Amino acid sequence: MTMFTAVKNVKSIIPLLDRVLVQRIKPQQKTAAGILIPEKSLETLNEGKVIAVGKGALNKDGKHIPNQVKPGDRVLLPSYGGSTIKLEEEEYSIFRDAEILAKVDE
């Protein structure tokens, strides 16, 4: 994974073409009974929230094919892949639209 740190604000990141900026949802650190779970025991969830999307991939005629997700969508992500960006103690990932596995219906 690639780690970028030059950007100061997540709102200044605009994905290009068919790329999607996603923030992974953090696992709960407490059980339902209120017991704290150690950080080493926490699994990374393969679920995230879409923060921003690009215009979409280009077809043969040079027209944009719109992405299948939009900002605010909850999505399922692959275990590996994407480029990681760390901003102000928060981590974000950039995936291609085709790499996103599914949209979570609420």
C-alpha atoms as a PDB file:
ATOM      1  CA  MET A   1       0.000   0.000   0.000  1.00  0.00           C
ATOM      2  CA  THR A   2       1.116   3.497  -0.782  1.00  0.00           C
ATOM      3  CA  MET A   3       0.919   6.146   1.951  1.00  0.00           C
ATOM      4  CA  PHE A   4       0.519   9.837   1.006  1.00  0.00           C
ATOM      5  CA  THR A   5       0.674  12.654   3.565  1.00  0.00           C
ATOM      6  CA  ALA A   6       1.064  15.929   1.634  1.00  0.00           C
ATOM      7  CA  VAL A   7      -2.655  16.833   1.670  1.00  0.00           C
ATOM      8  CA  LYS A   8      -4.040  18.624   4.738  1.00  0.00           C
ATOM      9  CA  ASN A   9      -7.826  18.386   4.208  1.00  0.00           C
ATOM     10  CA  VAL A  10      -9.937  15.500   2.877  1.00  0.00           C
ATOM     11  CA  LYS A  11     -12.293  17.927   1.086  1.00  0.00           C
ATOM     12  CA  SER A  12      -9.398  19.010  -1.126  1.00  0.00           C
ATOM     13  CA  ILE A  13      -9.103  15.482  -2.567  1.00  0.00           C
ATOM     14  CA  ILE A  14     -11.077  15.023  -5.788  1.00  0.00           C
ATOM     15  CA  PRO A  15     -10.731  11.510  -7.258  1.00  0.00           C
ATOM     16  CA  LEU A  16     -10.057  11.312 -10.987  1.00  0.00           C
ATOM     17  CA  LEU A  17     -11.954   9.235 -13.563  1.00  0.00           C
ATOM     18  CA  ASP A  18     -13.379   6.034 -12.019  1.00  0.00           C
ATOM     19  CA  ARG A  19     -11.693   6.354  -8.631  1.00  0.00           C
ATOM     20  CA  VAL A  20     -13.570   6.487  -5.323  1.00  0.00           C
ATOM     21  CA  LEU A  21     -12.370   7.944  -1.992  1.00  0.00           C
ATOM     22  CA  VAL A  22     -13.552   5.754   0.901  1.00  0.00           C
ATOM     23  CA  GLN A  23     -13.182   5.895   4.683  1.00  0.00           C
ATOM     24  CA  ARG A  24     -13.234   2.441   6.267  1.00  0.00           C
ATOM     25  CA  ILE A  25     -15.697   1.994   9.106  1.00  0.00           C
ATOM     26  CA  LYS A  26     -13.863   1.354  12.368  1.00  0.00           C
ATOM     27  CA  PRO A  27     -14.768  -1.733  14.415  1.00  0.00           C
ATOM     28  CA  GLN A  28     -16.445  -1.246  17.776  1.00  0.00           C
ATOM     29  CA  GLN A  29     -13.981  -1.022  20.647  1.00  0.00           C
ATOM     30  CA  LYS A  30     -16.499  -2.142  23.281  1.00  0.00           C
ATOM     31  CA  THR A  31     -18.751  -5.164  23.531  1.00  0.00           C
ATOM     32  CA  ALA A  32     -22.483  -4.796  24.179  1.00  0.00           C
ATOM     33  CA  ALA A  33     -21.746  -5.350  27.880  1.00  0.00           C
ATOM     34  CA  GLY A  34     -19.249  -2.458  27.899  1.00  0.00           C
ATOM     35  CA  ILE A  35     -16.048  -4.520  27.968  1.00  0.00           C
ATOM     36  CA  LEU A  36     -13.143  -2.842  26.142  1.00  0.00           C
ATOM     37  CA  ILE A  37     -11.585  -4.880  23.314  1.00  0.00           C
ATOM     38  CA  PRO A  38      -7.772  -4.603  22.950  1.00  0.00           C
ATOM     39  CA  GLU A  39      -6.618  -2.946  19.704  1.00  0.00           C
ATOM     40  CA  LYS A  40      -4.663  -6.035  18.625  1.00  0.00           C
ATOM     41  CA  SER A  41      -7.872  -8.096  18.746  1.00  0.00           C
ATOM     42  CA  LEU A  42      -9.850  -5.729  16.534  1.00  0.00           C
ATOM     43  CA  GLU A  43     -10.383  -6.861  12.952  1.00  0.00           C
ATOM     44  CA  THR A  44     -10.380  -4.386  10.105  1.00  0.00           C
ATOM     45  CA  LEU A  45     -13.847  -4.250   8.614  1.00  0.00           C
ATOM     46  CA  ASN A  46     -14.352  -4.532   4.885  1.00  0.00           C
ATOM     47  CA  GLU A  47     -17.026  -1.883   4.991  1.00  0.00           C
ATOM     48  CA  GLY A  48     -16.621   1.814   4.289  1.00  0.00           C
ATOM     49  CA  LYS A  49     -18.352   5.083   3.552  1.00  0.00           C
ATOM     50  CA  VAL A  50     -17.867   6.815   0.197  1.00  0.00           C
ATOM     51  CA  ILE A  51     -16.476  10.321   0.697  1.00  0.00           C
ATOM     52  CA  ALA A  52     -15.977  11.448  -2.923  1.00  0.00           C
ATOM     53  CA  VAL A  53     -16.121  10.006  -6.451  1.00  0.00           C
ATOM     54  CA  GLY A  54     -14.581  10.907  -9.791  1.00  0.00           C
ATOM     55  CA  LYS A  55     -16.528  11.633 -13.000  1.00  0.00           C
ATOM     56  CA  GLY A  56     -16.197   8.024 -14.218  1.00  0.00           C
ATOM     57  CA  ALA A  57     -14.140   6.045 -16.703  1.00  0.00           C
ATOM     58  CA  LEU A  58     -13.955   7.114 -20.334  1.00  0.00           C
ATOM     59  CA  ASN A  59     -15.489   5.008 -23.118  1.00  0.00           C
ATOM     60  CA  LYS A  60     -14.174   4.715 -26.706  1.00  0.00           C
ATOM     61  CA  ASP A  61     -15.872   7.983 -27.685  1.00  0.00           C
ATOM     62  CA  GLY A  62     -14.298   9.895 -24.778  1.00  0.00           C
ATOM     63  CA  LYS A  63     -17.545  10.186 -22.811  1.00  0.00           C
ATOM     64  CA  HIS A  64     -17.677   9.477 -19.081  1.00  0.00           C
ATOM     65  CA  ILE A  65     -19.295   6.262 -17.841  1.00  0.00           C
ATOM     66  CA  PRO A  66     -20.751   7.274 -14.439  1.00  0.00           C
ATOM     67  CA  ASN A  67     -19.573   5.493 -11.292  1.00  0.00           C
ATOM     68  CA  GLN A  68     -21.971   3.102  -9.575  1.00  0.00           C
ATOM     69  CA  VAL A  69     -21.559   4.709  -6.141  1.00  0.00           C
ATOM     70  CA  LYS A  70     -22.045   8.243  -4.849  1.00  0.00           C
ATOM     71  CA  PRO A  71     -20.851  10.140  -1.756  1.00  0.00           C
ATOM     72  CA  GLY A  72     -22.545   8.886   1.405  1.00  0.00           C
ATOM     73  CA  ASP A  73     -23.025   5.287   0.184  1.00  0.00           C
ATOM     74  CA  ARG A  74     -21.918   2.414   2.432  1.00  0.00           C
ATOM     75  CA  VAL A  75     -19.883  -0.126   0.454  1.00  0.00           C
ATOM     76  CA  LEU A  76     -18.124  -3.468   0.875  1.00  0.00           C
ATOM     77  CA  LEU A  77     -14.416  -3.316   0.070  1.00  0.00           C
ATOM     78  CA  PRO A  78     -11.834  -5.947  -0.874  1.00  0.00           C
ATOM     79  CA  SER A  79      -9.445  -7.064   1.876  1.00  0.00           C
ATOM     80  CA  TYR A  80      -6.441  -5.817  -0.071  1.00  0.00           C
ATOM     81  CA  GLY A  81      -5.796  -3.087  -2.589  1.00  0.00           C
ATOM     82  CA  GLY A  82      -6.425   0.596  -2.885  1.00  0.00           C
ATOM     83  CA  SER A  83      -4.067   3.428  -2.021  1.00  0.00           C
ATOM     84  CA  THR A  84      -4.070   4.618   1.582  1.00  0.00           C
ATOM     85  CA  ILE A  85      -4.037   8.298   2.542  1.00  0.00           C
ATOM     86  CA  LYS A  86      -3.585   9.477   6.139  1.00  0.00           C
ATOM     87  CA  LEU A  87      -4.986  12.909   7.025  1.00  0.00           C
ATOM     88  CA  GLU A  88      -5.236  14.330  10.530  1.00  0.00           C
ATOM     89  CA  GLU A  89      -5.060  10.898  12.230  1.00  0.00           C
ATOM     90  CA  GLU A  90      -7.759   9.485   9.885  1.00  0.00           C
ATOM     91  CA  GLU A  91      -7.094   6.954   7.136  1.00  0.00           C
ATOM     92  CA  TYR A  92      -8.815   6.990   3.754  1.00  0.00           C
ATOM     93  CA  SER A  93      -8.430   4.697   0.746  1.00  0.00           C
ATOM     94  CA  ILE A  94      -8.804   5.279  -2.973  1.00  0.00           C
ATOM     95  CA  PHE A  95     -10.232   2.388  -5.016  1.00  0.00           C
ATOM     96  CA  ARG A  96     -11.341   2.055  -8.618  1.00  0.00           C
ATOM     97  CA  ASP A  97     -15.112   1.845  -8.986  1.00  0.00           C
ATOM     98  CA  ALA A  98     -14.782  -1.718 -10.369  1.00  0.00           C
ATOM     99  CA  GLU A  99     -12.845  -2.843  -7.250  1.00  0.00           C
ATOM    100  CA  ILE A 100     -15.741  -2.049  -4.904  1.00  0.00           C
ATOM    101  CA  LEU A 101     -17.551  -5.288  -4.182  1.00  0.00           C
ATOM    102  CA  ALA A 102     -21.064  -4.125  -3.284  1.00  0.00           C
ATOM    103  CA  LYS A 103     -23.255  -1.297  -2.061  1.00  0.00           C
ATOM    104  CA  VAL A 104     -24.871  -1.817   1.369  1.00  0.00           C
ATOM    105  CA  ASP A 105     -28.576  -1.027   1.342  1.00  0.00           C
ATOM    106  CA  GLU A 106     -29.691   0.603   4.586  1.00  0.00           C
END
